[in-house]
Amino acid sequence: MKKRAILSLVAAGAMVASLAACSGGSGGDSGSGEGGGALIGVAMPTKSSERWIADGDAVKKALEDQGYKVDLQYAEDDIPTQVSQIENMITKGAEALIVASIDGTTLTNILADAADAEIPVIAYDRLLMDTENVDYYATFDNELVGNQQAWSLLNGLGLVELDGTPIEGAPAGPFNIELFAGSLDDNNAFFFFNGAMDVLQPFIDEGTLVVKSNQTSIEQAATLRWDGETAQSRMEDLLTANYSDGTTVNAVLSPYDGISRGIIGALQDAGYSLGDEWPIISGQDAEIDSVKAINSGEQYATIFKDTRELAKKAADMAVAALNGDTVETNDDSTYNNNVKDVPSYLLEPVIVVKDNIQSALIDTGYWTEAEVNG
């Protein structure tokens, strides 16, 4: 997999997507437009994360703007519910499916039904695994996301610039670090963790970073369903087992903002306070509570994945596929789902720290100044 060393700190401007919660029902016909009222099914995993609400709203708007009807459903992280929702979309005559799976390995049978009905399937940000019946994949450069999470962590410790360039005269350490990963049923978790470890491992090998718990495998670091409470409980256990001798943890690799907030809760409960001893904490998704935490110093960084751009790209891919047009991709070899290389379009993520919240998130219209500072 190709690594990208160039980091953009300014997100591209894009259409503004509503962040209001959606009911999860049928979107209805938007009236005139090239879609002619054809139905497209959109399956999202949960409303428990604001990013999935934003994704669903943005995909729905992008399709309705082109004249399509949209059946948008949220499964609340229940796999049988998601299977049933997709089955109902097929029964109702959906002509294309956009699927952000809960567990990418569990939809094989229903995707076979979609293939039998000649319905193109676009995997949305989470790769659909172990099936030939996924046509395209819309996502971000997820290995780069992992690189960026590690670079942001090292930047907070004064070791590298945000693009990974070593800082001359950087401190020698050692710094105590703990590692968190995403859910093992999400293929992206492996890309994030492996991308981060590619960057962090040399620092661990030379002793600049020390994982005091020795929990360095993704299986040990994993967080089921990306759940913040699960992360908080594990962080509490790590602190009790490894830092009761008076030492402190200096940095925590977190792959997602909700996990980051769980980690912050555990640190606060353990008596950590903002100041010199407060750990550097990474994140992902630029959720508003974590953007506020970056402003206050509780979280050091997040990775901004502009879901407005991803939604527009996925919608365009679905429309092109159902119309028999050429579907634009820019990577046809990175994402293998154990059956085939899935043609993909990868967007570029952006590191956000306190200094570029304005340019990356407010100036691009993703969040308003009032929301960030409120």
Protein backbone atom coordinates (compact mmCIF):
# COMPACT_ATOMS: atom_id res chain seq x y z
CA MET A 1 0.00 0.00 0.00
CA LYS A 2 1.26 3.38 -0.95
CA LYS A 3 2.03 5.80 1.82
CA ARG A 4 1.35 9.47 1.37
CA ALA A 5 3.83 11.74 3.10
CA ILE A 6 2.16 15.00 2.17
CA LEU A 7 -0.35 16.29 4.68
CA SER A 8 -2.93 18.93 3.83
CA LEU A 9 -4.00 21.03 6.80
CA VAL A 10 -6.86 22.74 4.99
CA ALA A 11 -9.96 20.71 4.05
CA ALA A 12 -11.55 21.37 0.69
CA GLY A 13 -14.79 23.33 0.74
CA ALA A 14 -17.86 21.22 0.15
CA MET A 15 -21.61 21.22 0.38
CA VAL A 16 -22.99 21.78 3.88
CA ALA A 17 -24.79 18.77 5.31
CA SER A 18 -27.40 19.01 8.03
CA LEU A 19 -26.40 17.35 11.29
CA ALA A 20 -29.96 17.00 12.52
CA ALA A 21 -30.99 13.47 13.43
CA CYS A 22 -32.92 11.69 10.70
CA SER A 23 -35.93 9.51 11.38
CA GLY A 24 -34.48 6.61 9.42
CA GLY A 25 -37.56 6.18 7.21
CA SER A 26 -38.04 6.57 3.48
CA GLY A 27 -36.76 9.82 2.09
CA GLY A 28 -39.61 10.38 -0.35
CA ASP A 29 -39.52 11.61 -3.95
CA SER A 30 -37.75 14.92 -4.32
CA GLY A 31 -39.75 15.77 -7.44
CA SER A 32 -38.13 16.56 -10.75
CA GLY A 33 -34.56 15.56 -11.51
CA GLU A 34 -32.52 13.12 -13.51
CA GLY A 35 -33.20 10.31 -11.05
CA GLY A 36 -36.85 10.17 -12.06
CA GLY A 37 -37.88 9.03 -8.59
CA ALA A 38 -35.93 5.75 -8.62
CA LEU A 39 -35.30 4.33 -5.15
CA ILE A 40 -31.82 3.95 -3.61
CA GLY A 41 -31.36 2.21 -0.26
CA VAL A 42 -28.92 3.64 2.28
CA ALA A 43 -28.01 1.43 5.27
CA MET A 44 -26.18 3.09 8.16
CA PRO A 45 -24.94 1.35 11.34
CA THR A 46 -26.16 3.53 14.20
CA LYS A 47 -27.33 6.92 15.41
CA SER A 48 -25.24 6.62 18.57
CA SER A 49 -22.40 8.45 16.80
CA GLU A 50 -23.07 11.91 15.39
CA ARG A 51 -20.80 11.16 12.45
CA TRP A 52 -23.17 8.45 11.14
CA ILE A 53 -26.12 10.82 11.46
CA ALA A 54 -24.16 13.34 9.41
CA ASP A 55 -23.21 10.70 6.84
CA GLY A 56 -26.79 9.50 6.43
CA ASP A 57 -28.16 13.01 6.06
CA ALA A 58 -25.48 13.95 3.56
CA VAL A 59 -25.95 10.84 1.39
CA LYS A 60 -29.71 11.34 1.42
CA LYS A 61 -29.39 14.98 0.37
CA ALA A 62 -26.87 14.21 -2.38
CA LEU A 63 -29.19 11.59 -3.89
CA GLU A 64 -32.37 13.64 -3.53
CA ASP A 65 -30.65 16.59 -5.19
CA GLN A 66 -30.26 14.33 -8.23
CA GLY A 67 -33.94 13.34 -8.21
CA TYR A 68 -33.78 9.99 -6.43
CA LYS A 69 -35.97 8.62 -3.65
CA VAL A 70 -34.01 7.46 -0.60
CA ASP A 71 -34.75 4.76 1.95
CA LEU A 72 -32.36 5.68 4.79
CA GLN A 73 -32.19 3.23 7.68
CA TYR A 74 -30.15 3.03 10.89
CA ALA A 75 -29.70 -0.39 12.53
CA GLU A 76 -28.50 0.77 15.97
CA ASP A 77 -25.54 -1.62 15.82
CA ASP A 78 -27.83 -4.66 15.64
CA ILE A 79 -26.75 -6.98 12.83
CA PRO A 80 -30.08 -8.82 12.29
CA THR A 81 -31.80 -5.44 12.08
CA GLN A 82 -29.42 -4.27 9.37
CA VAL A 83 -29.92 -7.49 7.41
CA SER A 84 -33.69 -7.05 7.64
CA GLN A 85 -33.48 -3.40 6.59
CA ILE A 86 -31.45 -4.22 3.48
CA GLU A 87 -33.81 -7.09 2.66
CA ASN A 88 -36.74 -4.67 2.84
CA MET A 89 -34.93 -2.20 0.58
CA ILE A 90 -34.53 -4.93 -2.04
CA THR A 91 -38.18 -5.96 -1.68
CA LYS A 92 -39.32 -2.35 -2.13
CA GLY A 93 -37.43 -2.15 -5.42
CA ALA A 94 -34.23 -0.30 -4.57
CA GLU A 95 -32.13 0.08 -7.73
CA ALA A 96 -28.85 0.59 -5.85
CA LEU A 97 -27.59 0.14 -2.30
CA ILE A 98 -25.13 2.18 -0.26
CA VAL A 99 -24.11 0.17 2.81
CA ALA A 100 -22.13 1.22 5.87
CA SER A 101 -22.03 -2.13 7.64
CA ILE A 102 -22.04 -2.91 11.36
CA ASP A 103 -19.97 -6.03 10.72
CA GLY A 104 -18.65 -6.30 7.19
CA THR A 105 -18.56 -10.10 7.34
CA THR A 106 -22.26 -10.68 8.11
CA LEU A 107 -24.08 -9.52 4.98
CA THR A 108 -22.96 -12.16 2.50
CA ASN A 109 -26.38 -13.76 1.96
CA ILE A 110 -28.35 -10.54 1.59
CA LEU A 111 -25.72 -9.15 -0.80
CA ALA A 112 -26.13 -12.28 -2.91
CA ASP A 113 -29.84 -11.44 -3.10
CA ALA A 114 -28.93 -7.95 -4.27
CA ALA A 115 -26.66 -9.41 -6.95
CA ASP A 116 -29.43 -11.74 -8.11
CA ALA A 117 -31.63 -8.67 -8.53
CA GLU A 118 -28.81 -6.90 -10.43
CA ILE A 119 -28.62 -4.18 -7.78
CA PRO A 120 -25.20 -2.47 -7.58
CA VAL A 121 -23.76 -2.22 -4.07
CA ILE A 122 -21.49 0.57 -2.85
CA ALA A 123 -19.65 -0.11 0.42
CA TYR A 124 -19.59 3.10 2.43
CA ASP A 125 -16.48 3.76 4.55
CA ARG A 126 -16.51 0.17 5.90
CA LEU A 127 -15.49 -2.55 3.48
CA LEU A 128 -17.94 -5.39 2.91
CA MET A 129 -15.93 -8.56 3.46
CA ASP A 130 -15.95 -12.14 2.17
CA THR A 131 -18.24 -11.51 -0.79
CA GLU A 132 -17.93 -10.95 -4.51
CA ASN A 133 -21.19 -9.00 -4.43
CA VAL A 134 -19.83 -5.56 -3.62
CA ASP A 135 -19.17 -3.42 -6.65
CA TYR A 136 -17.36 -0.35 -5.33
CA TYR A 137 -16.02 1.15 -2.11
CA ALA A 138 -16.09 4.82 -1.08
CA THR A 139 -13.81 5.68 1.82
CA PHE A 140 -10.80 7.67 2.99
CA ASP A 141 -7.15 6.70 2.83
CA ASN A 142 -7.43 4.71 6.03
CA GLU A 143 -3.77 3.75 6.33
CA LEU A 144 -2.96 7.44 6.12
CA VAL A 145 -5.54 8.07 8.88
CA GLY A 146 -3.51 5.73 11.10
CA ASN A 147 -0.26 7.45 10.11
CA GLN A 148 -1.81 10.81 10.95
CA GLN A 149 -3.06 9.66 14.34
CA ALA A 150 0.46 8.54 15.21
CA TRP A 151 2.05 11.72 13.83
CA SER A 152 -0.35 13.85 15.90
CA LEU A 153 0.55 11.89 19.02
CA LEU A 154 4.27 12.26 18.38
CA ASN A 155 3.78 15.93 17.56
CA GLY A 156 2.15 16.50 20.93
CA LEU A 157 5.19 14.91 22.57
CA GLY A 158 7.50 17.21 20.59
CA LEU A 159 9.04 14.41 18.50
CA VAL A 160 7.83 15.11 14.94
CA GLU A 161 6.02 17.68 12.86
CA LEU A 162 2.42 16.94 11.92
CA ASP A 163 3.57 15.46 8.60
CA GLY A 164 5.94 13.07 10.37
CA THR A 165 9.14 15.05 9.79
CA PRO A 166 11.50 14.58 12.78
CA ILE A 167 12.02 17.63 14.97
CA GLU A 168 15.67 18.52 15.50
CA GLY A 169 16.61 18.40 19.18
CA ALA A 170 13.48 16.44 20.11
CA PRO A 171 13.33 15.04 23.66
CA ALA A 172 14.76 11.58 24.18
CA GLY A 173 11.95 10.31 26.37
CA PRO A 174 11.09 7.75 27.48
CA PHE A 175 7.37 8.49 27.23
CA ASN A 176 4.76 6.08 28.54
CA ILE A 177 2.10 5.36 25.94
CA GLU A 178 -0.99 3.15 25.77
CA LEU A 179 -2.71 1.92 22.62
CA PHE A 180 -6.38 1.67 21.66
CA ALA A 181 -7.85 0.25 18.48
CA GLY A 182 -11.30 0.08 16.94
CA SER A 183 -13.72 -2.82 16.67
CA LEU A 184 -12.34 -6.05 15.22
CA ASP A 185 -15.47 -6.55 13.12
CA ASP A 186 -14.67 -3.34 11.22
CA ASN A 187 -11.97 -3.80 8.57
CA ASN A 188 -10.99 -0.14 8.90
CA ALA A 189 -9.79 -0.75 12.46
CA PHE A 190 -6.90 -2.79 11.09
CA PHE A 191 -5.87 -0.09 8.61
CA PHE A 192 -5.96 2.58 11.33
CA PHE A 193 -4.01 0.50 13.84
CA ASN A 194 -1.46 -0.84 11.38
CA GLY A 195 -0.94 2.61 9.89
CA ALA A 196 -0.33 4.04 13.36
CA MET A 197 1.99 1.22 14.41
CA ASP A 198 4.06 1.61 11.24
CA VAL A 199 4.90 5.07 12.59
CA LEU A 200 5.10 4.28 16.31
CA GLN A 201 6.98 0.97 16.26
CA PRO A 202 10.44 2.46 15.54
CA PHE A 203 10.02 4.79 18.52
CA ILE A 204 8.97 1.82 20.67
CA ASP A 205 11.91 -0.27 19.45
CA GLU A 206 14.42 2.45 20.33
CA GLY A 207 12.88 3.05 23.76
CA THR A 208 11.58 6.58 23.15
CA LEU A 209 8.07 5.24 23.66
CA VAL A 210 7.24 2.62 26.28
CA VAL A 211 3.96 0.69 26.29
CA LYS A 212 3.96 -0.02 30.00
CA SER A 213 1.05 -2.46 29.82
CA ASN A 214 2.76 -4.43 27.03
CA GLN A 215 -0.61 -4.54 25.27
CA THR A 216 0.60 -3.90 21.74
CA SER A 217 -1.52 -6.18 19.53
CA ILE A 218 -4.75 -5.07 17.94
CA GLU A 219 -6.56 -7.88 19.70
CA GLN A 220 -5.44 -6.49 23.07
CA ALA A 221 -6.16 -2.88 22.10
CA ALA A 222 -9.50 -3.44 20.36
CA THR A 223 -12.72 -1.68 21.43
CA LEU A 224 -15.89 -3.55 20.51
CA ARG A 225 -18.31 -1.40 18.48
CA TRP A 226 -15.98 1.59 19.04
CA ASP A 227 -17.81 2.11 22.33
CA GLY A 228 -16.64 4.94 24.59
CA GLU A 229 -17.76 3.29 27.82
CA THR A 230 -15.86 0.13 26.89
CA ALA A 231 -12.78 2.25 26.26
CA GLN A 232 -13.19 4.07 29.56
CA SER A 233 -13.38 0.79 31.44
CA ARG A 234 -10.25 -0.54 29.75
CA MET A 235 -8.36 2.70 30.41
CA GLU A 236 -9.32 2.52 34.07
CA ASP A 237 -7.96 -1.03 34.20
CA LEU A 238 -4.72 0.01 32.48
CA LEU A 239 -4.17 2.85 34.94
CA THR A 240 -4.87 0.63 37.95
CA ALA A 241 -2.65 -2.20 36.77
CA ASN A 242 0.28 -0.22 35.41
CA TYR A 243 0.39 3.28 36.89
CA SER A 244 -0.39 2.83 40.56
CA ASP A 245 3.33 3.19 41.31
CA GLY A 246 3.16 6.94 40.75
CA THR A 247 4.25 6.96 37.11
CA THR A 248 2.01 8.67 34.58
CA VAL A 249 0.87 7.85 31.08
CA ASN A 250 2.15 10.49 28.66
CA ALA A 251 0.15 9.67 25.54
CA VAL A 252 -2.77 7.50 24.41
CA LEU A 253 -3.34 6.40 20.84
CA SER A 254 -7.09 6.62 20.22
CA PRO A 255 -8.61 5.78 16.84
CA TYR A 256 -11.95 7.59 17.32
CA ASP A 257 -13.26 10.63 19.18
CA GLY A 258 -15.85 8.64 21.17
CA ILE A 259 -13.08 6.38 22.44
CA SER A 260 -10.99 9.47 23.20
CA ARG A 261 -13.73 10.88 25.40
CA GLY A 262 -13.94 7.60 27.29
CA ILE A 263 -10.18 7.74 27.84
CA ILE A 264 -10.47 11.33 29.08
CA GLY A 265 -13.17 10.27 31.54
CA ALA A 266 -10.93 7.54 32.95
CA LEU A 267 -8.01 9.94 33.33
CA GLN A 268 -10.16 12.48 35.14
CA ASP A 269 -11.52 9.81 37.48
CA ALA A 270 -7.93 8.72 38.19
CA GLY A 271 -7.00 12.24 39.30
CA TYR A 272 -5.27 13.55 36.17
CA SER A 273 -5.78 17.26 35.60
CA LEU A 274 -5.00 19.60 32.72
CA GLY A 275 -1.42 20.80 32.82
CA ASP A 276 2.02 19.34 32.36
CA GLU A 277 0.98 15.80 33.32
CA TRP A 278 -2.06 15.62 31.02
CA PRO A 279 -1.51 12.99 28.28
CA ILE A 280 -1.51 13.62 24.55
CA ILE A 281 -4.63 11.96 23.08
CA SER A 282 -5.42 11.40 19.40
CA GLY A 283 -8.83 10.87 17.79
CA GLN A 284 -10.88 10.74 14.61
CA ASP A 285 -14.05 12.19 13.06
CA ALA A 286 -13.95 15.79 14.36
CA GLU A 287 -17.06 15.27 16.50
CA ILE A 288 -18.08 18.55 18.08
CA ASP A 289 -17.54 17.44 21.70
CA SER A 290 -14.01 16.40 20.81
CA VAL A 291 -13.35 19.59 18.86
CA LYS A 292 -14.32 21.44 22.03
CA ALA A 293 -12.00 19.12 23.98
CA ILE A 294 -9.17 20.03 21.60
CA ASN A 295 -9.92 23.70 22.22
CA SER A 296 -9.74 23.12 25.99
CA GLY A 297 -6.62 20.95 25.83
CA GLU A 298 -8.19 17.66 26.93
CA GLN A 299 -7.71 16.08 23.49
CA TYR A 300 -4.71 16.96 21.36
CA ALA A 301 -5.90 16.13 17.86
CA THR A 302 -8.54 14.51 15.70
CA ILE A 303 -8.58 13.33 12.10
CA PHE A 304 -11.15 15.17 10.02
CA LYS A 305 -12.86 13.03 7.39
CA ASP A 306 -15.22 15.34 5.54
CA THR A 307 -18.35 13.20 5.37
CA ARG A 308 -19.97 15.72 3.01
CA GLU A 309 -17.39 14.86 0.37
CA LEU A 310 -17.60 11.13 1.09
CA ALA A 311 -21.39 11.20 0.85
CA LYS A 312 -21.31 13.04 -2.46
CA LYS A 313 -18.76 10.60 -3.86
CA ALA A 314 -20.75 7.54 -2.74
CA ALA A 315 -23.95 8.99 -4.19
CA ASP A 316 -22.24 9.69 -7.52
CA MET A 317 -20.83 6.15 -7.59
CA ALA A 318 -24.26 4.61 -6.93
CA VAL A 319 -25.94 6.74 -9.58
CA ALA A 320 -23.26 5.94 -12.17
CA ALA A 321 -23.43 2.23 -11.38
CA LEU A 322 -27.21 1.93 -11.65
CA ASN A 323 -27.17 3.91 -14.91
CA GLY A 324 -24.43 1.73 -16.39
CA ASP A 325 -22.00 4.65 -16.58
CA THR A 326 -18.29 4.61 -15.75
CA VAL A 327 -17.76 4.74 -11.98
CA GLU A 328 -14.82 6.91 -10.96
CA THR A 329 -12.22 5.17 -8.78
CA ASN A 330 -8.65 6.04 -7.82
CA ASP A 331 -7.48 2.80 -6.16
CA ASP A 332 -8.20 -0.68 -7.45
CA SER A 333 -5.71 -2.75 -5.46
CA THR A 334 -5.50 -1.66 -1.80
CA TYR A 335 -8.79 -3.02 -0.49
CA ASN A 336 -9.12 -6.78 -0.80
CA ASN A 337 -12.16 -8.24 0.97
CA ASN A 338 -10.79 -11.82 0.98
CA VAL A 339 -12.58 -12.52 -2.30
CA LYS A 340 -11.51 -9.73 -4.62
CA ASP A 341 -9.86 -6.33 -4.87
CA VAL A 342 -12.75 -3.90 -4.58
CA PRO A 343 -12.47 -0.83 -6.86
CA SER A 344 -12.34 2.14 -4.50
CA TYR A 345 -12.32 5.90 -4.30
CA LEU A 346 -10.15 7.20 -1.48
CA LEU A 347 -10.49 10.72 -0.10
CA GLU A 348 -7.72 12.39 1.90
CA PRO A 349 -8.12 12.97 5.66
CA VAL A 350 -6.88 16.04 7.52
CA ILE A 351 -5.18 16.35 10.93
CA VAL A 352 -6.90 18.91 13.15
CA VAL A 353 -5.19 20.42 16.18
CA LYS A 354 -6.13 23.54 18.09
CA ASP A 355 -4.19 25.80 15.71
CA ASN A 356 -6.15 24.84 12.58
CA ILE A 357 -9.69 24.32 13.89
CA GLN A 358 -10.60 27.62 12.21
CA SER A 359 -9.21 26.79 8.78
CA ALA A 360 -10.09 23.10 8.66
CA LEU A 361 -13.51 23.04 10.32
CA ILE A 362 -15.02 26.52 10.63
CA ASP A 363 -13.90 28.15 7.38
CA THR A 364 -15.08 25.06 5.45
CA GLY A 365 -18.51 25.24 7.07
CA TYR A 366 -18.31 21.88 8.80
CA TRP A 367 -18.84 23.48 12.22
CA THR A 368 -19.69 27.07 13.06
CA GLU A 369 -17.65 29.22 15.39
CA ALA A 370 -20.62 29.28 17.79
CA GLU A 371 -20.74 25.47 17.85
CA VAL A 372 -17.02 25.15 18.49
CA ASN A 373 -16.91 27.81 21.17
CA GLY A 374 -20.34 27.20 22.67
